[in-house]
């Protein structure tokens, strides 16, 4: 192969790869889930404390707890009350992922609404609501002690 032919083929291949990467990144950008608000914390005494100020500008916060097997979703209701959901599939105990309109189990495909109701099986039970209370502008969530990892 002559040098000229080699350069034409190489440049053509590079251009095709570059265009493909640009096109793919544009398509993938449109599939992005909106940025989630994470709150990372520990759970001394089996409960989590979240300042209400961290929930002031959002109706949803994902709480990631050290040494706890599942995340907790905190939702602010239109009434101003809060709900805390254990993000564990009620079918097989799999950790759930947040989707645009609820939660999804990657193991068997169960889907749950943002309120924890089952939208699609095989799960038949809604998500577990964790007990919570507000003390001095702090949201305190009592965790289920069965789900700590060692």
N, C-alpha and C. Protein backbone atom coordinates (compact mmCIF):
# COMPACT_ATOMS: atom_id res chain seq x y z
N UNK A 1 0.85 -1.16 0.00
CA UNK A 1 0.00 0.00 0.00
C UNK A 1 0.90 1.23 0.00
N UNK A 2 0.53 2.18 -0.82
CA UNK A 2 1.30 3.41 -0.88
C UNK A 2 0.95 4.32 0.29
N UNK A 3 1.87 5.20 0.56
CA UNK A 3 1.70 6.13 1.68
C UNK A 3 0.43 6.95 1.54
N UNK A 4 0.15 7.45 0.35
CA UNK A 4 -1.03 8.28 0.11
C UNK A 4 -2.31 7.51 0.41
N UNK A 5 -2.41 6.28 -0.06
CA UNK A 5 -3.60 5.44 0.20
C UNK A 5 -3.74 5.15 1.69
N UNK A 6 -2.61 4.86 2.33
CA UNK A 6 -2.63 4.60 3.78
C UNK A 6 -3.18 5.81 4.54
N UNK A 7 -2.71 7.03 4.21
CA UNK A 7 -3.16 8.24 4.89
C UNK A 7 -4.65 8.48 4.64
N UNK A 8 -5.13 8.27 3.44
CA UNK A 8 -6.55 8.46 3.13
C UNK A 8 -7.41 7.52 3.96
N UNK A 9 -7.01 6.26 4.00
CA UNK A 9 -7.80 5.28 4.74
C UNK A 9 -7.76 5.56 6.25
N UNK A 10 -6.59 5.90 6.74
CA UNK A 10 -6.44 6.18 8.17
C UNK A 10 -7.23 7.41 8.57
N UNK A 11 -7.13 8.48 7.78
CA UNK A 11 -7.87 9.71 8.09
C UNK A 11 -9.37 9.48 8.00
N UNK A 12 -9.80 8.70 7.04
CA UNK A 12 -11.23 8.38 6.90
C UNK A 12 -11.74 7.60 8.11
N UNK A 13 -10.94 6.64 8.55
CA UNK A 13 -11.34 5.84 9.71
C UNK A 13 -11.40 6.70 10.97
N UNK A 14 -10.42 7.59 11.15
CA UNK A 14 -10.41 8.48 12.32
C UNK A 14 -11.61 9.40 12.31
N UNK A 15 -11.94 9.94 11.14
CA UNK A 15 -13.10 10.83 11.03
C UNK A 15 -14.38 10.08 11.35
N UNK A 16 -14.51 8.86 10.87
CA UNK A 16 -15.71 8.06 11.15
C UNK A 16 -15.83 7.75 12.64
N UNK A 17 -14.73 7.40 13.26
CA UNK A 17 -14.74 7.11 14.69
C UNK A 17 -15.10 8.37 15.49
N UNK A 18 -14.50 9.49 15.11
CA UNK A 18 -14.80 10.75 15.80
C UNK A 18 -16.25 11.15 15.67
N UNK A 19 -16.80 11.04 14.46
CA UNK A 19 -18.21 11.37 14.25
C UNK A 19 -19.10 10.43 15.05
N UNK A 20 -18.77 9.14 15.02
CA UNK A 20 -19.56 8.16 15.76
C UNK A 20 -19.55 8.44 17.26
N UNK A 21 -18.39 8.78 17.81
CA UNK A 21 -18.30 9.09 19.24
C UNK A 21 -19.11 10.33 19.57
N UNK A 22 -19.05 11.36 18.71
CA UNK A 22 -19.82 12.59 18.93
C UNK A 22 -21.31 12.30 18.90
N UNK A 23 -21.75 11.53 17.90
CA UNK A 23 -23.16 11.19 17.76
C UNK A 23 -23.64 10.38 18.95
N UNK A 24 -22.86 9.39 19.36
CA UNK A 24 -23.23 8.54 20.49
C UNK A 24 -23.31 9.34 21.78
N UNK A 25 -22.38 10.26 22.00
CA UNK A 25 -22.43 11.07 23.22
C UNK A 25 -23.65 11.97 23.23
N UNK A 26 -24.07 12.46 22.07
CA UNK A 26 -25.28 13.29 21.98
C UNK A 26 -26.51 12.47 22.32
N UNK A 27 -26.57 11.26 21.79
CA UNK A 27 -27.71 10.40 22.07
C UNK A 27 -27.74 10.03 23.55
N UNK A 28 -26.61 9.67 24.11
CA UNK A 28 -26.55 9.27 25.51
C UNK A 28 -26.87 10.42 26.44
N UNK A 29 -26.52 11.63 26.07
CA UNK A 29 -26.82 12.81 26.89
C UNK A 29 -28.32 12.97 27.07
N UNK A 30 -29.09 12.67 26.04
CA UNK A 30 -30.54 12.81 26.12
C UNK A 30 -31.16 11.74 27.01
N UNK A 31 -30.45 10.67 27.30
CA UNK A 31 -30.96 9.58 28.14
C UNK A 31 -30.64 9.78 29.61
N UNK A 32 -29.89 10.79 29.94
CA UNK A 32 -29.43 10.99 31.31
C UNK A 32 -30.60 11.18 32.27
N UNK A 33 -30.49 10.57 33.44
CA UNK A 33 -31.42 10.84 34.52
C UNK A 33 -31.00 12.16 35.15
N UNK A 34 -31.97 13.01 35.51
CA UNK A 34 -31.59 14.26 36.15
C UNK A 34 -30.70 14.00 37.36
N UNK A 35 -29.86 14.95 37.65
CA UNK A 35 -28.92 14.82 38.75
C UNK A 35 -29.65 14.53 40.06
N UNK A 36 -29.18 13.53 40.76
CA UNK A 36 -29.80 13.16 42.02
C UNK A 36 -29.08 13.85 43.16
N UNK A 37 -29.84 14.28 44.16
CA UNK A 37 -29.24 14.83 45.35
C UNK A 37 -28.89 13.71 46.31
N UNK A 38 -27.60 13.52 46.58
CA UNK A 38 -27.15 12.50 47.52
C UNK A 38 -26.84 13.14 48.86
N UNK A 39 -27.14 12.41 49.90
CA UNK A 39 -26.74 12.82 51.24
C UNK A 39 -26.04 11.61 51.85
N UNK A 40 -24.75 11.70 52.09
CA UNK A 40 -23.97 10.59 52.64
C UNK A 40 -23.79 10.81 54.13
N UNK A 41 -24.01 9.74 54.89
CA UNK A 41 -23.96 9.88 56.33
C UNK A 41 -23.70 8.53 57.00
N UNK A 42 -23.49 8.58 58.29
CA UNK A 42 -23.40 7.38 59.13
C UNK A 42 -24.72 7.24 59.88
N UNK A 43 -24.87 6.13 60.57
CA UNK A 43 -26.11 5.87 61.28
C UNK A 43 -25.84 5.45 62.72
N UNK A 44 -25.38 6.40 63.54
CA UNK A 44 -25.18 6.03 64.95
C UNK A 44 -26.52 5.70 65.60
N UNK A 45 -26.53 4.70 66.43
CA UNK A 45 -27.74 4.29 67.14
C UNK A 45 -28.87 3.85 66.22
N UNK A 46 -28.55 3.43 64.99
CA UNK A 46 -29.57 2.90 64.10
C UNK A 46 -30.51 3.92 63.49
N UNK A 47 -30.11 5.17 63.49
CA UNK A 47 -30.94 6.20 62.86
C UNK A 47 -30.07 7.19 62.10
N UNK A 48 -30.70 7.87 61.17
CA UNK A 48 -30.04 8.86 60.34
C UNK A 48 -30.66 10.21 60.62
N UNK A 49 -29.81 11.23 60.75
CA UNK A 49 -30.28 12.59 60.98
C UNK A 49 -29.92 13.46 59.77
N UNK A 50 -30.93 14.10 59.20
CA UNK A 50 -30.74 14.93 58.02
C UNK A 50 -31.29 16.32 58.31
N UNK A 51 -30.46 17.36 58.20
CA UNK A 51 -30.98 18.72 58.42
C UNK A 51 -32.05 19.05 57.38
N UNK A 52 -33.16 19.59 57.83
CA UNK A 52 -34.22 19.97 56.89
C UNK A 52 -33.73 20.99 55.88
N UNK A 53 -32.71 21.75 56.23
CA UNK A 53 -32.17 22.74 55.28
C UNK A 53 -31.61 22.06 54.03
N UNK A 54 -31.15 20.80 54.14
CA UNK A 54 -30.62 20.10 52.96
C UNK A 54 -31.74 19.63 52.04
N UNK A 55 -32.97 19.70 52.52
CA UNK A 55 -34.13 19.30 51.72
C UNK A 55 -34.94 20.52 51.25
N UNK A 56 -34.46 21.70 51.56
CA UNK A 56 -35.23 22.92 51.28
C UNK A 56 -35.47 23.15 49.79
N UNK A 57 -34.52 22.84 48.93
CA UNK A 57 -34.64 23.15 47.51
C UNK A 57 -34.96 21.94 46.65
N UNK A 58 -35.40 20.84 47.26
CA UNK A 58 -35.68 19.63 46.51
C UNK A 58 -36.81 18.84 47.15
N UNK A 59 -37.50 18.06 46.34
CA UNK A 59 -38.55 17.18 46.85
C UNK A 59 -38.06 15.75 47.00
N UNK A 60 -36.79 15.50 46.62
CA UNK A 60 -36.24 14.15 46.66
C UNK A 60 -34.77 14.19 47.07
N UNK A 61 -34.40 13.30 47.96
CA UNK A 61 -32.99 13.17 48.36
C UNK A 61 -32.71 11.68 48.53
N UNK A 62 -31.60 11.23 47.96
CA UNK A 62 -31.16 9.86 48.12
C UNK A 62 -30.14 9.83 49.24
N UNK A 63 -30.40 9.03 50.27
CA UNK A 63 -29.53 8.96 51.44
C UNK A 63 -28.70 7.68 51.35
N UNK A 64 -27.39 7.85 51.32
CA UNK A 64 -26.45 6.73 51.27
C UNK A 64 -25.81 6.64 52.65
N UNK A 65 -25.97 5.48 53.30
CA UNK A 65 -25.58 5.30 54.69
C UNK A 65 -24.40 4.35 54.79
N UNK A 66 -23.37 4.76 55.51
CA UNK A 66 -22.18 3.91 55.71
C UNK A 66 -22.59 2.57 56.33
N UNK A 67 -22.07 1.47 55.77
CA UNK A 67 -22.28 0.12 56.28
C UNK A 67 -23.74 -0.32 56.30
N UNK A 68 -24.55 0.29 55.45
CA UNK A 68 -25.96 -0.10 55.32
C UNK A 68 -26.13 -0.62 53.91
N UNK A 69 -26.80 -1.73 53.75
CA UNK A 69 -26.87 -2.40 52.46
C UNK A 69 -27.75 -1.71 51.42
N UNK A 70 -28.59 -0.78 51.83
CA UNK A 70 -29.54 -0.15 50.90
C UNK A 70 -29.55 1.36 51.10
N UNK A 71 -29.86 2.07 50.02
CA UNK A 71 -30.08 3.50 50.12
C UNK A 71 -31.49 3.73 50.65
N UNK A 72 -31.73 4.96 51.09
CA UNK A 72 -33.05 5.38 51.54
C UNK A 72 -33.45 6.59 50.72
N UNK A 73 -34.67 6.57 50.20
CA UNK A 73 -35.20 7.71 49.46
C UNK A 73 -36.03 8.55 50.41
N UNK A 74 -35.76 9.85 50.44
CA UNK A 74 -36.56 10.77 51.25
C UNK A 74 -37.32 11.66 50.28
N UNK A 75 -38.65 11.65 50.41
CA UNK A 75 -39.50 12.43 49.53
C UNK A 75 -40.30 13.44 50.33
N UNK A 76 -40.36 14.64 49.83
CA UNK A 76 -41.18 15.67 50.46
C UNK A 76 -42.53 15.70 49.74
N UNK A 77 -43.59 15.48 50.49
CA UNK A 77 -44.93 15.45 49.93
C UNK A 77 -45.44 16.88 49.72
N UNK A 78 -46.47 17.04 48.89
CA UNK A 78 -47.04 18.36 48.65
C UNK A 78 -47.61 18.96 49.94
N UNK A 79 -47.98 18.12 50.90
CA UNK A 79 -48.49 18.59 52.19
C UNK A 79 -47.39 19.13 53.09
N UNK A 80 -46.10 18.89 52.71
CA UNK A 80 -44.98 19.32 53.55
C UNK A 80 -44.45 18.20 54.43
N UNK A 81 -45.16 17.08 54.47
CA UNK A 81 -44.70 15.91 55.22
C UNK A 81 -43.61 15.19 54.44
N UNK A 82 -42.87 14.32 55.12
CA UNK A 82 -41.80 13.56 54.49
C UNK A 82 -42.10 12.07 54.56
N UNK A 83 -41.57 11.34 53.57
CA UNK A 83 -41.67 9.88 53.52
C UNK A 83 -40.26 9.35 53.30
N UNK A 84 -39.91 8.28 54.01
CA UNK A 84 -38.61 7.63 53.83
C UNK A 84 -38.86 6.19 53.38
N UNK A 85 -38.31 5.84 52.21
CA UNK A 85 -38.49 4.51 51.64
C UNK A 85 -37.18 3.74 51.64
N UNK A 86 -37.22 2.50 52.09
CA UNK A 86 -36.07 1.62 52.00
C UNK A 86 -35.99 1.12 50.56
N UNK A 87 -34.89 1.39 49.87
CA UNK A 87 -34.78 1.03 48.45
C UNK A 87 -34.27 -0.40 48.29
N UNK A 88 -35.12 -1.32 48.75
CA UNK A 88 -34.88 -2.75 48.65
C UNK A 88 -36.11 -3.38 48.01
N UNK A 89 -35.89 -4.14 46.93
CA UNK A 89 -37.00 -4.80 46.26
C UNK A 89 -37.67 -5.78 47.23
N UNK A 90 -38.98 -5.73 47.28
CA UNK A 90 -39.73 -6.60 48.19
C UNK A 90 -39.90 -8.01 47.62
N UNK A 91 -39.42 -8.23 46.41
CA UNK A 91 -39.51 -9.56 45.81
C UNK A 91 -38.29 -10.41 46.16
N UNK A 92 -37.08 -9.85 45.93
CA UNK A 92 -35.88 -10.67 46.12
C UNK A 92 -34.79 -9.96 46.93
N UNK A 93 -35.09 -8.82 47.52
CA UNK A 93 -34.11 -8.15 48.37
C UNK A 93 -33.01 -7.42 47.62
N UNK A 94 -33.16 -7.19 46.34
CA UNK A 94 -32.16 -6.51 45.52
C UNK A 94 -32.22 -5.00 45.78
N UNK A 95 -31.06 -4.34 45.76
CA UNK A 95 -31.01 -2.89 45.87
C UNK A 95 -31.64 -2.28 44.62
N UNK A 96 -32.42 -1.23 44.80
CA UNK A 96 -33.12 -0.57 43.69
C UNK A 96 -32.32 0.60 43.16
N UNK A 97 -32.60 0.97 41.91
CA UNK A 97 -32.01 2.16 41.32
C UNK A 97 -33.12 3.17 41.05
N UNK A 98 -32.77 4.43 41.10
CA UNK A 98 -33.71 5.51 40.84
C UNK A 98 -33.90 5.64 39.34
N UNK A 99 -35.15 5.78 38.91
CA UNK A 99 -35.45 6.10 37.52
C UNK A 99 -36.14 7.45 37.52
N UNK A 100 -36.46 7.96 36.36
CA UNK A 100 -37.10 9.27 36.28
C UNK A 100 -38.39 9.37 37.05
N UNK A 101 -39.16 8.28 37.12
CA UNK A 101 -40.47 8.35 37.76
C UNK A 101 -40.66 7.35 38.89
N UNK A 102 -39.59 6.81 39.43
CA UNK A 102 -39.73 5.86 40.52
C UNK A 102 -38.45 5.08 40.74
N UNK A 103 -38.61 3.76 40.97
CA UNK A 103 -37.48 2.91 41.30
C UNK A 103 -37.58 1.60 40.52
N UNK A 104 -36.42 1.03 40.18
CA UNK A 104 -36.35 -0.15 39.33
C UNK A 104 -35.45 -1.20 39.98
N UNK A 105 -35.88 -2.45 39.90
CA UNK A 105 -35.07 -3.57 40.38
C UNK A 105 -34.37 -4.22 39.19
N UNK A 106 -33.04 -4.14 39.13
CA UNK A 106 -32.32 -4.70 37.99
C UNK A 106 -32.28 -6.24 37.98
N UNK A 107 -32.67 -6.88 39.06
CA UNK A 107 -32.59 -8.34 39.11
C UNK A 107 -33.71 -9.01 38.32
N UNK A 108 -34.96 -8.65 38.59
CA UNK A 108 -36.09 -9.28 37.91
C UNK A 108 -37.02 -8.28 37.22
N UNK A 109 -36.70 -6.98 37.29
CA UNK A 109 -37.48 -6.00 36.53
C UNK A 109 -38.65 -5.37 37.25
N UNK A 110 -38.81 -5.59 38.54
CA UNK A 110 -39.92 -4.93 39.25
C UNK A 110 -39.73 -3.42 39.19
N UNK A 111 -40.87 -2.71 39.14
CA UNK A 111 -40.86 -1.25 39.14
C UNK A 111 -41.77 -0.75 40.25
N UNK A 112 -41.32 0.34 40.89
CA UNK A 112 -42.08 0.93 41.99
C UNK A 112 -42.25 2.42 41.72
N UNK A 113 -43.37 2.97 42.17
CA UNK A 113 -43.60 4.41 42.02
C UNK A 113 -42.79 5.18 43.05
N UNK A 114 -42.79 6.49 42.97
CA UNK A 114 -42.06 7.30 43.96
C UNK A 114 -42.67 7.20 45.35
N UNK A 115 -43.90 6.72 45.44
CA UNK A 115 -44.52 6.52 46.75
C UNK A 115 -44.27 5.11 47.29
N UNK A 116 -43.62 4.25 46.46
CA UNK A 116 -43.30 2.90 46.88
C UNK A 116 -44.29 1.85 46.41
N UNK A 117 -45.34 2.25 45.70
CA UNK A 117 -46.34 1.30 45.20
C UNK A 117 -45.75 0.46 44.07
N UNK A 118 -46.16 -0.79 43.97
CA UNK A 118 -45.70 -1.68 42.91
C UNK A 118 -46.38 -1.27 41.60
N UNK A 119 -45.57 -1.01 40.57
CA UNK A 119 -46.09 -0.69 39.24
C UNK A 119 -46.01 -1.90 38.32
N UNK A 120 -44.99 -2.75 38.53
CA UNK A 120 -44.78 -3.93 37.69
C UNK A 120 -44.08 -4.99 38.53
N UNK A 121 -44.57 -6.20 38.45
CA UNK A 121 -44.01 -7.32 39.20
C UNK A 121 -42.75 -7.85 38.57
N UNK A 122 -42.21 -8.84 39.21
CA UNK A 122 -42.85 -9.84 40.06
C UNK A 122 -43.10 -9.42 41.51
N UNK A 123 -42.57 -8.30 41.97
CA UNK A 123 -42.85 -7.86 43.35
C UNK A 123 -44.36 -7.63 43.51
N UNK A 124 -44.88 -7.98 44.67
CA UNK A 124 -46.30 -7.76 44.94
C UNK A 124 -46.52 -6.82 46.13
N UNK A 125 -45.50 -6.64 46.96
CA UNK A 125 -45.62 -5.77 48.13
C UNK A 125 -44.96 -4.42 47.86
N UNK A 126 -45.53 -3.35 48.40
CA UNK A 126 -44.92 -2.02 48.23
C UNK A 126 -43.62 -1.91 49.01
N UNK A 127 -42.85 -0.87 48.73
CA UNK A 127 -41.60 -0.63 49.44
C UNK A 127 -41.88 -0.33 50.91
N UNK A 128 -40.91 -0.66 51.75
CA UNK A 128 -41.03 -0.43 53.19
C UNK A 128 -40.87 1.06 53.49
N UNK A 129 -41.84 1.62 54.20
CA UNK A 129 -41.75 3.00 54.69
C UNK A 129 -41.06 2.95 56.05
N UNK A 130 -40.01 3.73 56.20
CA UNK A 130 -39.28 3.76 57.46
C UNK A 130 -39.86 4.83 58.37
N UNK A 131 -39.92 4.55 59.68
CA UNK A 131 -40.45 5.55 60.62
C UNK A 131 -39.52 6.76 60.68
N UNK A 132 -40.14 7.94 60.77
CA UNK A 132 -39.35 9.16 60.87
C UNK A 132 -40.06 10.17 61.74
N UNK A 133 -39.28 11.15 62.18
CA UNK A 133 -39.83 12.26 62.97
C UNK A 133 -38.95 13.47 62.76
N UNK A 134 -39.49 14.63 63.08
CA UNK A 134 -38.73 15.88 62.97
C UNK A 134 -38.49 16.41 64.38
N UNK A 135 -37.20 16.66 64.66
CA UNK A 135 -36.80 17.20 65.95
C UNK A 135 -35.85 18.36 65.71
N UNK A 136 -36.22 19.55 66.13
CA UNK A 136 -35.34 20.72 66.03
C UNK A 136 -34.79 20.92 64.61
N UNK A 137 -35.67 20.90 63.62
CA UNK A 137 -35.29 21.10 62.21
C UNK A 137 -34.37 20.02 61.67
N UNK A 138 -34.42 18.83 62.29
CA UNK A 138 -33.66 17.67 61.84
C UNK A 138 -34.65 16.54 61.56
N UNK A 139 -34.55 15.95 60.38
CA UNK A 139 -35.36 14.79 60.04
C UNK A 139 -34.61 13.55 60.53
N UNK A 140 -35.21 12.79 61.42
CA UNK A 140 -34.59 11.60 62.00
C UNK A 140 -35.31 10.38 61.46
N UNK A 141 -34.56 9.50 60.78
CA UNK A 141 -35.12 8.29 60.18
C UNK A 141 -34.60 7.08 60.93
N UNK A 142 -35.50 6.24 61.42
CA UNK A 142 -35.13 5.00 62.10
C UNK A 142 -34.93 3.92 61.06
N UNK A 143 -33.74 3.32 61.05
CA UNK A 143 -33.40 2.30 60.06
C UNK A 143 -33.77 0.91 60.55
N UNK A 144 -34.00 0.02 59.60
CA UNK A 144 -34.24 -1.38 59.90
C UNK A 144 -32.90 -2.02 60.21
N UNK A 145 -32.73 -2.55 61.42
CA UNK A 145 -31.42 -3.06 61.85
C UNK A 145 -30.99 -4.33 61.12
N UNK A 146 -31.88 -4.96 60.36
CA UNK A 146 -31.53 -6.18 59.65
C UNK A 146 -30.58 -5.97 58.47
N UNK A 147 -30.37 -4.72 58.05
CA UNK A 147 -29.67 -4.49 56.78
C UNK A 147 -28.31 -3.84 56.93
N UNK A 148 -27.69 -3.94 58.10
CA UNK A 148 -26.32 -3.45 58.25
C UNK A 148 -25.34 -4.50 57.78
N UNK A 149 -24.28 -4.05 57.13
CA UNK A 149 -23.22 -4.99 56.74
C UNK A 149 -22.08 -4.88 57.75
N UNK A 150 -21.34 -5.95 57.90
CA UNK A 150 -20.27 -5.93 58.90
C UNK A 150 -18.98 -5.42 58.31
